[in-house]
N, C-alpha and C. Protein backbone atom coordinates (compact mmCIF):
# COMPACT_ATOMS: atom_id res chain seq x y z
N MET A 1 -16.21 33.38 -31.95
CA MET A 1 -15.33 32.22 -32.03
C MET A 1 -15.97 31.17 -32.94
N ASN A 2 -15.14 30.54 -33.70
CA ASN A 2 -15.67 29.50 -34.57
C ASN A 2 -15.66 28.14 -33.87
N ARG A 3 -16.29 27.17 -34.50
CA ARG A 3 -16.44 25.84 -33.90
C ARG A 3 -15.10 25.15 -33.65
N ARG A 4 -14.18 25.34 -34.54
CA ARG A 4 -12.87 24.70 -34.41
C ARG A 4 -12.16 25.16 -33.14
N THR A 5 -12.21 26.45 -32.85
CA THR A 5 -11.57 27.00 -31.65
C THR A 5 -12.26 26.48 -30.39
N ILE A 6 -13.58 26.44 -30.40
CA ILE A 6 -14.33 25.95 -29.25
C ILE A 6 -14.00 24.47 -28.99
N ARG A 7 -13.93 23.68 -30.05
CA ARG A 7 -13.59 22.25 -29.89
C ARG A 7 -12.17 22.07 -29.37
N ALA A 8 -11.25 22.89 -29.84
CA ALA A 8 -9.86 22.80 -29.37
C ALA A 8 -9.77 23.15 -27.89
N ILE A 9 -10.50 24.17 -27.47
CA ILE A 9 -10.51 24.55 -26.05
C ILE A 9 -11.14 23.44 -25.21
N ALA A 10 -12.23 22.88 -25.69
CA ALA A 10 -12.90 21.80 -24.96
C ALA A 10 -12.01 20.57 -24.86
N ALA A 11 -11.35 20.21 -25.93
CA ALA A 11 -10.46 19.04 -25.92
C ALA A 11 -9.28 19.27 -24.98
N THR A 12 -8.71 20.47 -25.00
CA THR A 12 -7.60 20.79 -24.11
C THR A 12 -8.03 20.73 -22.66
N THR A 13 -9.21 21.26 -22.37
CA THR A 13 -9.73 21.23 -21.00
C THR A 13 -9.95 19.79 -20.54
N MET A 14 -10.54 18.96 -21.39
CA MET A 14 -10.79 17.56 -21.02
C MET A 14 -9.48 16.81 -20.80
N LEU A 15 -8.50 17.02 -21.66
CA LEU A 15 -7.20 16.36 -21.49
C LEU A 15 -6.51 16.82 -20.21
N THR A 16 -6.60 18.11 -19.92
CA THR A 16 -5.98 18.65 -18.71
C THR A 16 -6.62 18.06 -17.47
N LEU A 17 -7.94 18.04 -17.44
CA LEU A 17 -8.63 17.48 -16.28
C LEU A 17 -8.42 15.97 -16.17
N GLY A 18 -8.39 15.28 -17.30
CA GLY A 18 -8.20 13.83 -17.30
C GLY A 18 -6.81 13.42 -16.86
N SER A 19 -5.81 14.20 -17.22
CA SER A 19 -4.44 13.84 -16.83
C SER A 19 -4.11 14.31 -15.42
N GLY A 20 -5.02 15.02 -14.80
CA GLY A 20 -4.80 15.51 -13.43
C GLY A 20 -4.60 14.38 -12.44
N SER A 21 -5.37 13.31 -12.62
CA SER A 21 -5.24 12.19 -11.68
C SER A 21 -3.94 11.44 -11.90
N VAL A 22 -3.37 11.54 -13.10
CA VAL A 22 -2.11 10.86 -13.38
C VAL A 22 -0.94 11.55 -12.69
N GLY A 23 -1.02 12.86 -12.51
CA GLY A 23 0.10 13.61 -11.97
C GLY A 23 0.03 13.91 -10.50
N CYS A 24 -0.94 13.36 -9.81
CA CYS A 24 -1.09 13.70 -8.40
C CYS A 24 -0.72 12.51 -7.54
N GLY A 25 0.34 12.65 -6.75
CA GLY A 25 0.77 11.57 -5.87
C GLY A 25 -0.27 11.22 -4.82
N TYR A 26 -1.12 12.19 -4.47
CA TYR A 26 -2.17 11.95 -3.48
C TYR A 26 -3.13 10.86 -3.97
N LEU A 27 -3.44 10.86 -5.27
CA LEU A 27 -4.34 9.86 -5.82
C LEU A 27 -3.61 8.59 -6.23
N LEU A 28 -2.37 8.73 -6.75
CA LEU A 28 -1.63 7.57 -7.21
C LEU A 28 -1.06 6.72 -6.08
N TYR A 29 -0.65 7.34 -5.00
CA TYR A 29 0.01 6.63 -3.90
C TYR A 29 -0.69 6.90 -2.57
N PRO A 30 -1.89 6.38 -2.36
CA PRO A 30 -2.58 6.66 -1.09
C PRO A 30 -1.85 6.08 0.12
N GLU A 31 -1.03 5.04 -0.10
CA GLU A 31 -0.29 4.45 1.02
C GLU A 31 0.81 5.38 1.54
N ARG A 32 1.17 6.39 0.77
CA ARG A 32 2.22 7.33 1.19
C ARG A 32 1.67 8.47 2.04
N ARG A 33 0.37 8.64 2.08
CA ARG A 33 -0.20 9.74 2.84
C ARG A 33 0.21 9.62 4.30
N GLY A 34 0.63 10.71 4.87
CA GLY A 34 1.05 10.72 6.27
C GLY A 34 2.56 10.67 6.44
N ASN A 35 3.31 10.45 5.36
CA ASN A 35 4.77 10.47 5.47
C ASN A 35 5.22 11.86 5.89
N ARG A 36 6.26 11.90 6.69
CA ARG A 36 6.74 13.19 7.18
C ARG A 36 8.17 13.46 6.74
N GLY A 37 8.54 12.95 5.64
CA GLY A 37 9.88 13.17 5.14
C GLY A 37 10.39 11.93 4.44
N GLY A 38 11.56 12.04 3.90
CA GLY A 38 12.14 10.93 3.16
C GLY A 38 12.63 11.43 1.82
N ASN A 39 12.82 10.52 0.90
CA ASN A 39 13.27 10.88 -0.44
C ASN A 39 12.08 11.35 -1.27
N ILE A 40 12.27 12.43 -2.01
CA ILE A 40 11.20 12.94 -2.87
C ILE A 40 11.13 12.07 -4.11
N ASP A 41 9.91 11.65 -4.47
CA ASP A 41 9.69 10.84 -5.66
C ASP A 41 9.80 11.74 -6.88
N ALA A 42 10.80 11.49 -7.72
CA ALA A 42 11.07 12.35 -8.88
C ALA A 42 9.91 12.33 -9.87
N GLY A 43 9.29 11.20 -10.09
CA GLY A 43 8.18 11.11 -11.04
C GLY A 43 7.00 11.97 -10.62
N THR A 44 6.64 11.89 -9.36
CA THR A 44 5.54 12.70 -8.85
C THR A 44 5.89 14.19 -8.90
N MET A 45 7.13 14.52 -8.58
CA MET A 45 7.56 15.92 -8.62
C MET A 45 7.48 16.47 -10.04
N VAL A 46 7.95 15.70 -11.02
CA VAL A 46 7.91 16.16 -12.42
C VAL A 46 6.47 16.35 -12.87
N MET A 47 5.58 15.40 -12.55
CA MET A 47 4.18 15.54 -12.95
C MET A 47 3.53 16.76 -12.30
N ASP A 48 3.85 17.01 -11.03
CA ASP A 48 3.31 18.20 -10.37
C ASP A 48 3.86 19.48 -11.01
N LEU A 49 5.13 19.47 -11.38
CA LEU A 49 5.73 20.65 -12.02
C LEU A 49 5.16 20.87 -13.42
N LEU A 50 4.79 19.79 -14.11
CA LEU A 50 4.18 19.94 -15.43
C LEU A 50 2.83 20.65 -15.35
N TRP A 51 2.20 20.58 -14.19
CA TRP A 51 0.94 21.28 -13.99
C TRP A 51 1.14 22.79 -14.01
N LEU A 52 2.37 23.24 -13.91
CA LEU A 52 2.63 24.68 -14.01
C LEU A 52 2.49 25.17 -15.45
N LEU A 53 2.56 24.27 -16.43
CA LEU A 53 2.43 24.68 -17.84
C LEU A 53 1.03 25.20 -18.16
N PRO A 54 -0.05 24.50 -17.79
CA PRO A 54 -1.37 25.06 -18.10
C PRO A 54 -1.71 26.29 -17.25
N GLY A 55 -1.05 26.42 -16.11
CA GLY A 55 -1.31 27.60 -15.29
C GLY A 55 -0.62 27.48 -13.95
N LEU A 56 -0.39 28.60 -13.33
CA LEU A 56 0.30 28.64 -12.05
C LEU A 56 -0.53 27.97 -10.95
N ILE A 57 -1.83 28.21 -10.94
CA ILE A 57 -2.70 27.69 -9.88
C ILE A 57 -2.72 26.15 -9.85
N PRO A 58 -2.95 25.44 -10.97
CA PRO A 58 -2.96 23.97 -10.88
C PRO A 58 -1.63 23.38 -10.41
N GLY A 59 -0.53 23.96 -10.84
CA GLY A 59 0.78 23.45 -10.42
C GLY A 59 1.04 23.67 -8.95
N VAL A 60 0.71 24.84 -8.45
CA VAL A 60 0.91 25.15 -7.04
C VAL A 60 0.00 24.27 -6.18
N VAL A 61 -1.25 24.08 -6.61
CA VAL A 61 -2.19 23.24 -5.86
C VAL A 61 -1.67 21.80 -5.81
N ALA A 62 -1.20 21.27 -6.93
CA ALA A 62 -0.68 19.90 -6.96
C ALA A 62 0.52 19.74 -6.03
N LEU A 63 1.42 20.71 -6.03
CA LEU A 63 2.59 20.65 -5.15
C LEU A 63 2.18 20.74 -3.68
N ILE A 64 1.27 21.65 -3.37
CA ILE A 64 0.83 21.80 -1.98
C ILE A 64 0.16 20.53 -1.48
N VAL A 65 -0.73 19.95 -2.29
CA VAL A 65 -1.44 18.73 -1.87
C VAL A 65 -0.46 17.58 -1.64
N ASP A 66 0.47 17.37 -2.56
CA ASP A 66 1.40 16.25 -2.43
C ASP A 66 2.39 16.43 -1.29
N PHE A 67 2.90 17.64 -1.09
CA PHE A 67 3.83 17.85 0.02
C PHE A 67 3.12 17.80 1.37
N SER A 68 1.95 18.43 1.47
CA SER A 68 1.27 18.47 2.76
C SER A 68 0.70 17.11 3.16
N SER A 69 0.31 16.29 2.19
CA SER A 69 -0.23 14.97 2.52
C SER A 69 0.89 13.95 2.75
N GLY A 70 2.10 14.24 2.26
CA GLY A 70 3.21 13.31 2.40
C GLY A 70 3.33 12.36 1.23
N ALA A 71 2.44 12.47 0.24
CA ALA A 71 2.46 11.57 -0.92
C ALA A 71 3.66 11.83 -1.82
N MET A 72 4.33 12.96 -1.64
CA MET A 72 5.50 13.28 -2.45
C MET A 72 6.72 12.46 -2.02
N TYR A 73 6.71 11.98 -0.78
CA TYR A 73 7.89 11.31 -0.23
C TYR A 73 7.81 9.80 -0.42
N ARG A 74 8.90 9.23 -0.90
CA ARG A 74 9.00 7.79 -1.06
C ARG A 74 9.76 7.24 0.14
N GLY A 75 9.21 6.23 0.79
CA GLY A 75 9.90 5.61 1.93
C GLY A 75 10.08 6.58 3.07
N GLY A 76 9.10 7.40 3.30
CA GLY A 76 9.21 8.43 4.32
C GLY A 76 9.03 7.90 5.73
N ARG A 77 9.19 8.79 6.66
CA ARG A 77 9.03 8.45 8.07
C ARG A 77 7.64 8.87 8.51
N VAL A 78 7.00 8.00 9.23
CA VAL A 78 5.69 8.30 9.78
C VAL A 78 5.82 8.31 11.28
N GLY A 79 5.24 9.31 11.93
CA GLY A 79 5.29 9.38 13.38
C GLY A 79 4.57 8.19 14.00
N LEU A 80 4.94 7.85 15.21
CA LEU A 80 4.29 6.76 15.92
C LEU A 80 2.94 7.22 16.43
N VAL A 81 1.96 6.34 16.39
CA VAL A 81 0.62 6.66 16.83
C VAL A 81 0.30 5.87 18.09
N VAL A 82 -0.12 6.58 19.12
CA VAL A 82 -0.54 5.95 20.37
C VAL A 82 -2.04 5.68 20.24
N SER A 83 -2.42 4.41 20.28
CA SER A 83 -3.83 4.04 20.17
C SER A 83 -4.57 4.40 21.46
N PRO A 84 -5.89 4.39 21.43
CA PRO A 84 -6.66 4.73 22.63
C PRO A 84 -6.38 3.81 23.82
N ASP A 85 -5.93 2.58 23.55
CA ASP A 85 -5.60 1.67 24.66
C ASP A 85 -4.15 1.80 25.10
N SER A 86 -3.48 2.92 24.77
CA SER A 86 -2.12 3.27 25.18
C SER A 86 -1.07 2.30 24.66
N ARG A 87 -1.23 1.84 23.43
CA ARG A 87 -0.25 0.96 22.80
C ARG A 87 0.31 1.63 21.55
N VAL A 88 1.59 1.33 21.29
CA VAL A 88 2.27 1.81 20.09
C VAL A 88 2.75 0.58 19.34
N ALA A 89 2.40 0.47 18.06
CA ALA A 89 2.85 -0.65 17.24
C ALA A 89 4.04 -0.19 16.40
N VAL A 90 5.11 -0.98 16.41
CA VAL A 90 6.30 -0.70 15.61
C VAL A 90 6.50 -1.88 14.68
N ARG A 91 6.51 -1.61 13.37
CA ARG A 91 6.69 -2.67 12.39
C ARG A 91 8.12 -3.18 12.44
N LEU A 92 8.26 -4.50 12.45
CA LEU A 92 9.59 -5.12 12.51
C LEU A 92 10.27 -5.02 11.15
N PRO A 93 11.57 -4.72 11.14
CA PRO A 93 12.30 -4.64 9.87
C PRO A 93 12.58 -6.04 9.32
N ARG A 94 12.94 -6.08 8.05
CA ARG A 94 13.31 -7.35 7.43
C ARG A 94 14.80 -7.59 7.69
N SER A 95 15.17 -8.86 7.85
CA SER A 95 16.56 -9.20 8.11
C SER A 95 16.88 -10.52 7.44
N SER A 96 18.08 -10.60 6.83
CA SER A 96 18.49 -11.84 6.18
C SER A 96 19.07 -12.84 7.18
N LYS A 97 19.45 -12.37 8.37
CA LYS A 97 19.97 -13.28 9.39
C LYS A 97 19.19 -13.07 10.70
N PRO A 98 19.04 -14.13 11.47
CA PRO A 98 18.29 -13.99 12.73
C PRO A 98 19.02 -13.08 13.72
N MET A 99 18.26 -12.24 14.40
CA MET A 99 18.81 -11.38 15.44
C MET A 99 17.71 -10.95 16.38
N GLN A 100 18.12 -10.51 17.55
CA GLN A 100 17.19 -10.05 18.57
C GLN A 100 17.28 -8.53 18.66
N LEU A 101 16.13 -7.87 18.68
CA LEU A 101 16.07 -6.41 18.80
C LEU A 101 15.25 -6.04 20.02
N GLU A 102 15.69 -5.00 20.72
CA GLU A 102 14.91 -4.46 21.81
C GLU A 102 14.44 -3.07 21.41
N PHE A 103 13.12 -2.87 21.47
CA PHE A 103 12.51 -1.58 21.14
C PHE A 103 12.13 -0.89 22.44
N ARG A 104 12.50 0.41 22.53
CA ARG A 104 12.19 1.18 23.74
C ARG A 104 11.66 2.54 23.36
N LEU A 105 10.67 3.01 24.10
CA LEU A 105 10.24 4.40 24.02
C LEU A 105 10.83 5.09 25.24
N VAL A 106 11.69 6.10 25.00
CA VAL A 106 12.38 6.77 26.10
C VAL A 106 12.19 8.28 25.99
N THR A 107 12.27 8.95 27.12
CA THR A 107 12.17 10.40 27.15
C THR A 107 13.57 11.00 26.98
N ALA A 108 13.63 12.31 26.84
CA ALA A 108 14.91 13.00 26.70
C ALA A 108 15.79 12.79 27.93
N SER A 109 15.17 12.57 29.08
CA SER A 109 15.93 12.34 30.31
C SER A 109 16.24 10.86 30.52
N HIS A 110 16.09 10.06 29.48
CA HIS A 110 16.41 8.63 29.45
C HIS A 110 15.49 7.77 30.32
N ARG A 111 14.31 8.27 30.62
CA ARG A 111 13.32 7.46 31.35
C ARG A 111 12.64 6.55 30.34
N VAL A 112 12.62 5.24 30.61
CA VAL A 112 12.02 4.27 29.70
C VAL A 112 10.52 4.22 29.97
N LEU A 113 9.73 4.53 28.93
CA LEU A 113 8.28 4.49 29.05
C LEU A 113 7.73 3.10 28.74
N ALA A 114 8.36 2.41 27.79
CA ALA A 114 7.93 1.07 27.40
C ALA A 114 9.08 0.38 26.69
N HIS A 115 9.12 -0.94 26.80
CA HIS A 115 10.14 -1.70 26.07
C HIS A 115 9.59 -3.08 25.73
N GLU A 116 10.10 -3.62 24.64
CA GLU A 116 9.68 -4.95 24.18
C GLU A 116 10.81 -5.53 23.35
N THR A 117 11.00 -6.84 23.46
CA THR A 117 12.05 -7.53 22.71
C THR A 117 11.40 -8.40 21.64
N ALA A 118 12.02 -8.45 20.45
CA ALA A 118 11.51 -9.25 19.34
C ALA A 118 12.67 -9.91 18.63
N VAL A 119 12.42 -11.09 18.08
CA VAL A 119 13.41 -11.81 17.27
C VAL A 119 12.97 -11.70 15.82
N ILE A 120 13.90 -11.25 14.96
CA ILE A 120 13.61 -11.13 13.54
C ILE A 120 14.55 -12.02 12.75
N GLY A 121 14.20 -12.28 11.52
CA GLY A 121 15.02 -13.10 10.66
C GLY A 121 14.32 -13.35 9.34
N PRO A 122 14.87 -14.25 8.53
CA PRO A 122 14.27 -14.52 7.22
C PRO A 122 12.86 -15.12 7.32
N SER A 123 12.57 -15.79 8.41
CA SER A 123 11.25 -16.42 8.55
C SER A 123 10.21 -15.49 9.16
N THR A 124 10.59 -14.26 9.50
CA THR A 124 9.64 -13.31 10.07
C THR A 124 8.69 -12.84 8.98
N PRO A 125 7.37 -13.03 9.17
CA PRO A 125 6.41 -12.59 8.14
C PRO A 125 6.45 -11.08 7.95
N GLU A 126 6.28 -10.63 6.71
CA GLU A 126 6.29 -9.20 6.42
C GLU A 126 5.06 -8.55 7.06
N GLY A 127 5.26 -7.38 7.62
CA GLY A 127 4.17 -6.66 8.26
C GLY A 127 4.00 -6.99 9.74
N THR A 128 4.86 -7.84 10.28
CA THR A 128 4.79 -8.17 11.70
C THR A 128 5.21 -6.96 12.51
N SER A 129 4.54 -6.76 13.63
CA SER A 129 4.89 -5.61 14.47
C SER A 129 4.99 -6.04 15.92
N VAL A 130 5.62 -5.19 16.70
CA VAL A 130 5.74 -5.39 18.14
C VAL A 130 4.94 -4.28 18.81
N GLN A 131 4.25 -4.63 19.90
CA GLN A 131 3.41 -3.67 20.62
C GLN A 131 4.13 -3.16 21.86
N LEU A 132 4.23 -1.84 21.99
CA LEU A 132 4.79 -1.23 23.18
C LEU A 132 3.64 -0.63 23.97
N ASP A 133 3.47 -1.06 25.21
CA ASP A 133 2.39 -0.57 26.06
C ASP A 133 2.91 0.57 26.92
N VAL A 134 2.47 1.79 26.62
CA VAL A 134 2.95 2.95 27.37
C VAL A 134 2.08 3.24 28.59
N GLY A 135 0.95 2.61 28.70
CA GLY A 135 0.10 2.72 29.89
C GLY A 135 -0.19 4.15 30.28
N GLY A 136 -0.02 4.48 31.56
CA GLY A 136 -0.33 5.81 32.07
C GLY A 136 0.77 6.82 31.86
N ALA A 137 1.85 6.45 31.17
CA ALA A 137 2.95 7.39 30.98
C ALA A 137 2.61 8.50 29.99
N MET A 138 1.56 8.29 29.21
CA MET A 138 1.21 9.26 28.18
C MET A 138 -0.09 9.94 28.56
N GLN A 139 -0.16 11.21 28.24
CA GLN A 139 -1.42 11.94 28.40
C GLN A 139 -1.57 12.88 27.22
N PRO A 140 -2.79 13.08 26.71
CA PRO A 140 -2.96 13.97 25.57
C PRO A 140 -2.52 15.39 25.88
N ASP A 141 -1.96 16.06 24.89
CA ASP A 141 -1.48 17.42 25.03
C ASP A 141 -1.76 18.14 23.72
N ILE A 142 -1.87 19.44 23.76
CA ILE A 142 -2.05 20.22 22.54
C ILE A 142 -0.77 20.99 22.29
N SER A 143 -0.15 20.75 21.14
CA SER A 143 1.07 21.44 20.77
C SER A 143 0.73 22.86 20.35
N ARG A 144 1.46 23.84 20.85
CA ARG A 144 1.20 25.23 20.48
C ARG A 144 1.50 25.48 19.02
N ALA A 145 2.52 24.81 18.49
CA ALA A 145 2.93 25.08 17.11
C ALA A 145 1.89 24.58 16.11
N SER A 146 1.39 23.36 16.29
CA SER A 146 0.51 22.79 15.28
C SER A 146 -0.95 22.75 15.71
N ARG A 147 -1.24 22.93 16.98
CA ARG A 147 -2.58 22.83 17.52
C ARG A 147 -3.21 21.47 17.23
N ALA A 148 -2.38 20.46 17.07
CA ALA A 148 -2.86 19.10 16.84
C ALA A 148 -2.62 18.26 18.07
N PRO A 149 -3.55 17.33 18.40
CA PRO A 149 -3.32 16.50 19.58
C PRO A 149 -2.07 15.65 19.39
N ARG A 150 -1.29 15.53 20.41
CA ARG A 150 -0.13 14.64 20.39
C ARG A 150 0.03 14.08 21.79
N ALA A 151 0.71 12.96 21.89
CA ALA A 151 0.93 12.38 23.21
C ALA A 151 2.21 12.95 23.79
N ALA A 152 2.21 13.17 25.08
CA ALA A 152 3.39 13.73 25.73
C ALA A 152 3.51 13.14 27.12
N THR A 153 4.69 13.22 27.69
CA THR A 153 4.88 12.77 29.05
C THR A 153 4.35 13.85 29.98
N ALA A 154 4.28 13.53 31.24
CA ALA A 154 3.76 14.50 32.22
C ALA A 154 4.60 15.77 32.21
N ALA A 155 5.90 15.64 31.97
CA ALA A 155 6.78 16.80 31.98
C ALA A 155 6.87 17.46 30.61
N GLY A 156 6.23 16.88 29.59
CA GLY A 156 6.26 17.45 28.24
C GLY A 156 7.58 17.23 27.54
N GLU A 157 8.34 16.21 27.93
CA GLU A 157 9.64 15.93 27.32
C GLU A 157 9.48 15.33 25.92
N ALA A 158 10.53 15.45 25.13
CA ALA A 158 10.57 14.79 23.84
C ALA A 158 10.66 13.28 24.06
N ILE A 159 10.09 12.51 23.14
CA ILE A 159 10.09 11.05 23.25
C ILE A 159 10.81 10.49 22.04
N TYR A 160 11.61 9.46 22.27
CA TYR A 160 12.41 8.85 21.22
C TYR A 160 12.11 7.35 21.16
N LEU A 161 12.24 6.80 19.96
CA LEU A 161 12.20 5.35 19.78
C LEU A 161 13.64 4.89 19.70
N GLU A 162 14.04 3.99 20.60
CA GLU A 162 15.38 3.41 20.57
C GLU A 162 15.28 1.95 20.17
N VAL A 163 16.22 1.52 19.35
CA VAL A 163 16.31 0.12 18.94
C VAL A 163 17.72 -0.35 19.24
N GLN A 164 17.82 -1.47 20.00
CA GLN A 164 19.12 -2.02 20.35
C GLN A 164 19.21 -3.44 19.80
N THR A 165 20.32 -3.74 19.12
CA THR A 165 20.53 -5.08 18.58
C THR A 165 21.12 -5.98 19.65
N ASP A 166 21.14 -7.29 19.37
CA ASP A 166 21.73 -8.23 20.32
C ASP A 166 23.24 -8.03 20.45
N GLY A 167 23.85 -7.33 19.49
CA GLY A 167 25.28 -7.02 19.56
C GLY A 167 25.58 -5.78 20.39
N GLY A 168 24.54 -5.07 20.85
CA GLY A 168 24.74 -3.91 21.70
C GLY A 168 24.64 -2.58 20.98
N ALA A 169 24.56 -2.57 19.66
CA ALA A 169 24.45 -1.31 18.92
C ALA A 169 23.06 -0.72 19.15
N THR A 170 23.02 0.59 19.41
CA THR A 170 21.75 1.26 19.68
C THR A 170 21.56 2.42 18.72
N ALA A 171 20.33 2.54 18.22
CA ALA A 171 19.96 3.68 17.37
C ALA A 171 18.79 4.38 18.02
N ARG A 172 18.83 5.71 18.02
CA ARG A 172 17.74 6.51 18.61
C ARG A 172 17.12 7.34 17.49
N PHE A 173 15.80 7.24 17.38
CA PHE A 173 15.06 7.95 16.35
C PHE A 173 14.14 8.98 16.99
N PRO A 174 14.43 10.26 16.79
CA PRO A 174 13.49 11.26 17.30
C PRO A 174 12.21 11.18 16.47
N THR A 175 11.09 11.11 17.11
CA THR A 175 9.82 11.00 16.40
C THR A 175 8.74 11.68 17.20
N SER A 176 7.66 12.00 16.54
CA SER A 176 6.54 12.57 17.25
C SER A 176 5.56 11.45 17.56
N LEU A 177 4.92 11.54 18.69
CA LEU A 177 3.89 10.57 19.05
C LEU A 177 2.55 11.27 18.97
N GLU A 178 1.60 10.65 18.30
CA GLU A 178 0.29 11.25 18.13
C GLU A 178 -0.75 10.37 18.79
N ALA A 179 -1.70 10.98 19.45
CA ALA A 179 -2.81 10.25 20.05
C ALA A 179 -3.81 9.91 18.97
N ALA A 180 -4.23 8.63 18.93
CA ALA A 180 -5.19 8.20 17.89
C ALA A 180 -6.59 8.64 18.25
């Protein structure tokens, strides 16, 4: 091989490795790690797919890392985490008008594990959360499917986050609870 070919290979390798950090959502969006769904970010998807051009392995690795870490999803859903002191923090949504919301953690059999009321509005600071104290209602369990610790009720029922507005409208969000 002549020098020109060796330099071209070296330059291509350096450019490929250097642009790797640009195309990986895991490195570009660390705040997205842990998302469990949502809208797929088209820019991150295109950059990961472009990694298929230099070879199948880099493209597949980029896709696996971004999907498994959750960095591929924009505005995704993150499961609720039960802290060691048996509390669950729920971030308050933004609202242009004042309203009262009631947050509840309920089981599939409609047993209320915890509830808390909060008032939101334009003056509510961003990032404010409400704490739900689940106390002794939760105990660590090992899920057979994932072998990851998760919180469960004594009967192993599914747990839902319910939000009720002051107007009476209620929304129920199926979510997983994880022990911190």
